[in-house]
Protein backbone atom coordinates (compact mmCIF):
# COMPACT_ATOMS: atom_id res chain seq x y z
CA MET A 1 -43.69 5.00 -84.70
CA LYS A 2 -41.20 2.36 -85.85
CA ARG A 3 -38.36 4.92 -85.55
CA ILE A 4 -39.37 5.79 -82.00
CA VAL A 5 -39.46 2.13 -80.97
CA LEU A 6 -36.07 1.43 -82.58
CA THR A 7 -34.53 4.49 -80.92
CA THR A 8 -35.98 3.45 -77.57
CA VAL A 9 -34.60 -0.07 -77.93
CA ALA A 10 -31.18 1.19 -79.03
CA VAL A 11 -30.87 3.70 -76.19
CA ALA A 12 -32.10 1.21 -73.59
CA ALA A 13 -29.72 -1.48 -74.83
CA THR A 14 -26.80 0.94 -74.71
CA MET A 15 -27.66 2.04 -71.19
CA LEU A 16 -28.01 -1.55 -69.98
CA VAL A 17 -24.44 -2.22 -71.06
CA THR A 18 -23.10 0.83 -69.20
CA PRO A 19 -24.88 1.18 -65.85
CA VAL A 20 -24.44 4.33 -63.81
CA ALA A 21 -23.69 4.03 -60.10
CA HIS A 22 -25.40 6.71 -58.03
CA ALA A 23 -24.46 6.20 -54.43
CA ASP A 24 -21.74 4.75 -52.21
CA ASN A 25 -24.24 2.18 -50.93
CA GLY A 26 -24.29 0.38 -54.29
CA ASP A 27 -27.51 1.75 -55.85
CA VAL A 28 -27.24 1.51 -59.64
CA MET A 29 -29.61 2.55 -62.42
CA HIS A 30 -29.26 0.37 -65.53
CA GLY A 31 -30.69 2.34 -68.44
CA GLY A 32 -32.38 5.67 -68.01
CA CYS A 33 -34.00 8.60 -69.75
CA PHE A 34 -34.10 9.10 -73.50
CA ILE A 35 -35.51 11.57 -76.00
CA ASP A 36 -36.39 11.23 -79.65
CA SER A 37 -37.37 14.52 -81.26
CA THR A 38 -37.25 16.18 -84.66
CA ALA A 39 -37.50 19.76 -85.85
CA VAL A 40 -40.99 20.90 -86.76
CA PRO A 41 -41.08 22.33 -90.32
CA PRO A 42 -41.47 26.11 -90.80
CA PRO A 43 -43.25 28.43 -90.04
CA TYR A 44 -42.80 27.27 -86.43
CA GLY A 45 -39.22 28.53 -86.00
CA SER A 46 -36.95 26.47 -83.76
CA ALA A 47 -39.66 24.10 -82.50
CA TYR A 48 -39.10 20.40 -81.83
CA ALA A 49 -41.58 17.61 -81.16
CA GLY A 50 -41.12 14.01 -80.10
CA VAL A 51 -41.16 11.74 -77.07
CA ILE A 52 -39.29 11.61 -73.78
CA GLY A 53 -39.19 8.46 -71.71
CA ASP A 54 -37.37 5.97 -69.55
CA GLN A 55 -36.32 2.33 -69.84
CA SER A 56 -34.43 1.21 -66.71
CA VAL A 57 -33.84 -1.39 -64.03
CA SER A 58 -32.57 -0.44 -60.57
CA THR A 59 -30.29 -2.59 -58.39
CA THR A 60 -28.39 -2.25 -55.12
CA GLY A 61 -25.56 -4.02 -53.34
CA GLU A 62 -23.08 -6.71 -54.27
CA PRO A 63 -24.17 -9.09 -55.64
CA PRO A 64 -26.78 -6.82 -57.27
CA ALA A 65 -30.33 -7.17 -55.94
CA PRO A 66 -33.47 -5.40 -57.23
CA ILE A 67 -34.49 -2.19 -55.47
CA GLY A 68 -37.56 -0.03 -56.05
CA ALA A 69 -37.09 3.37 -57.67
CA THR A 70 -38.69 6.20 -59.59
CA VAL A 71 -37.03 7.99 -62.49
CA THR A 72 -37.93 11.55 -63.46
CA CYS A 73 -36.90 12.83 -66.91
CA TRP A 74 -37.02 16.40 -68.22
CA LEU A 75 -35.40 18.82 -70.68
CA GLU A 76 -33.50 22.02 -69.99
CA VAL A 77 -32.67 24.71 -72.54
CA ASN A 78 -29.74 26.89 -71.46
CA GLY A 79 -30.09 25.54 -67.91
CA VAL A 80 -33.81 26.35 -67.58
CA ASP A 81 -36.47 23.63 -67.19
CA VAL A 82 -38.73 23.35 -70.24
CA THR A 83 -42.37 23.48 -69.12
CA GLY A 84 -44.30 20.29 -69.84
CA THR A 85 -41.28 18.00 -70.28
CA ARG A 86 -40.99 16.66 -66.70
CA HIS A 87 -42.33 13.10 -66.40
CA THR A 88 -41.87 10.40 -63.72
CA TYR A 89 -41.72 6.65 -64.34
CA GLY A 90 -41.94 3.79 -61.85
CA ASP A 91 -43.91 3.47 -58.64
CA GLY A 92 -41.00 3.45 -56.19
CA THR A 93 -41.55 -0.18 -55.22
CA SER A 94 -40.68 -1.95 -58.50
CA ALA A 95 -37.13 -2.34 -59.81
CA VAL A 96 -38.36 -1.78 -63.39
CA GLN A 97 -39.22 1.69 -64.68
CA SER A 98 -40.62 2.31 -68.16
CA GLY A 99 -42.74 4.75 -70.13
CA THR A 100 -42.93 7.50 -72.74
CA ASP A 101 -44.68 10.85 -73.05
CA PRO A 102 -44.97 13.41 -75.88
CA VAL A 103 -42.88 16.58 -75.62
CA THR A 104 -42.46 19.83 -77.51
CA TYR A 105 -39.86 22.53 -76.94
CA THR A 106 -38.08 25.39 -78.71
CA ALA A 107 -34.35 25.86 -79.00
CA GLY A 108 -32.25 28.05 -81.25
CA PRO A 109 -29.12 26.87 -83.07
CA ASN A 110 -26.80 28.17 -80.33
CA ASP A 111 -28.91 27.00 -77.37
CA THR A 112 -27.74 24.14 -75.17
CA VAL A 113 -30.39 21.45 -74.78
CA ALA A 114 -29.88 18.95 -71.94
CA LEU A 115 -31.70 15.75 -71.04
CA CYS A 116 -31.91 15.50 -67.26
CA GLU A 117 -32.65 12.52 -65.01
CA SER A 118 -33.41 12.19 -61.33
CA ASP A 119 -33.22 8.70 -59.79
CA ASP A 120 -34.92 8.23 -56.41
CA PHE A 121 -34.28 4.81 -54.83
CA ALA A 122 -36.50 3.12 -52.23
CA ASP A 123 -33.70 3.29 -49.62
CA GLY A 124 -33.82 7.12 -49.68
CA THR A 125 -30.78 7.78 -51.88
CA SER A 126 -31.05 9.83 -55.05
CA ALA A 127 -29.00 11.34 -57.86
CA ILE A 128 -29.51 13.92 -60.59
CA ASN A 129 -27.62 14.02 -63.91
CA CYS A 130 -27.97 16.23 -66.99
CA PHE A 131 -26.38 15.50 -70.37
CA ALA A 132 -26.09 18.02 -73.20
CA LEU A 133 -27.64 16.80 -76.44
CA GLY A 134 -26.05 17.08 -79.86
CA ASP A 135 -22.86 18.72 -80.98
CA ASP A 136 -24.26 21.72 -82.81
CA ILE A 137 -22.17 24.30 -80.97
CA GLN A 138 -18.78 24.81 -82.59
CA VAL A 139 -16.02 26.79 -80.93
CA PRO A 140 -14.71 28.77 -82.69
CA PRO A 141 -17.61 29.29 -85.11
CA GLN A 142 -17.11 28.07 -88.68
CA PHE A 143 -16.92 31.59 -90.11
CA VAL A 144 -13.83 32.27 -87.92
CA LEU A 145 -12.13 29.12 -89.22
CA ASP A 146 -13.03 30.02 -92.81
CA LEU A 147 -11.71 33.58 -92.43
CA THR A 148 -8.46 32.32 -90.87
CA GLN A 149 -7.97 29.83 -93.68
CA TYR A 150 -8.66 32.55 -96.26
CA LEU A 151 -6.20 34.99 -94.69
CA LEU A 152 -3.48 32.40 -94.23
CA GLY A 153 -3.89 31.02 -97.72
CA ASN A 154 -4.18 34.26 -99.64
CA TYR A 155 -2.14 36.84 -97.74
CA LEU A 156 0.18 35.55 -95.04
CA ASP A 157 1.71 32.39 -96.53
CA PRO A 158 3.03 33.99 -99.75
CA VAL A 159 4.74 36.67 -97.66
CA LEU A 160 6.15 34.32 -94.98
CA CYS A 161 7.35 31.37 -97.08
CA LYS A 162 9.22 30.72 -100.28
CA VAL A 163 7.18 29.54 -103.23
CA ASP A 164 8.69 26.03 -103.00
CA ASP A 165 7.96 25.71 -99.25
CA CYS A 166 4.37 26.99 -99.17
CA PRO A 167 1.58 24.60 -98.25
CA PRO A 168 -0.75 23.59 -101.09
CA TYR A 169 -3.53 25.97 -100.02
CA ALA A 170 -1.33 29.08 -100.27
CA ALA A 171 -1.94 31.42 -103.15
CA THR A 172 1.31 31.67 -105.08
CA SER A 173 2.04 33.44 -108.30
């Protein structure tokens, strides 16, 4: 529980420093959706469990004034909504939105997981944003990099360069 609270505070503090403008009329959401999840141990495969939530304050105009809003948070895996992860925070009249809900979802190592947010302001404007989570997808895959390094180091460099000019990884005799 302490980890969840610290993550929530850290994410909310970061979002308060970098507000996101959503409309030409000056509506801004300070803060927003967050997720804190961990992999569930085997035998459950690629399952994750945790919480999804929102910590935000909505303003409009210059100078900024409070405006009512609702924030809806959800997860997508490979662009498809994950059932049971869509939750709405705020009543549409208050400028403060906050809450958390439990979530579970499955995602494989090459799946793209995105945290999505829809902000609906009391003046009728709205915006939707999705952000990919993590950096688990590597292009090209590591095995391609390893194979290239192996081929360059063991076969191509000794043929293409003199022994004195070869890089340190080249196999020389």
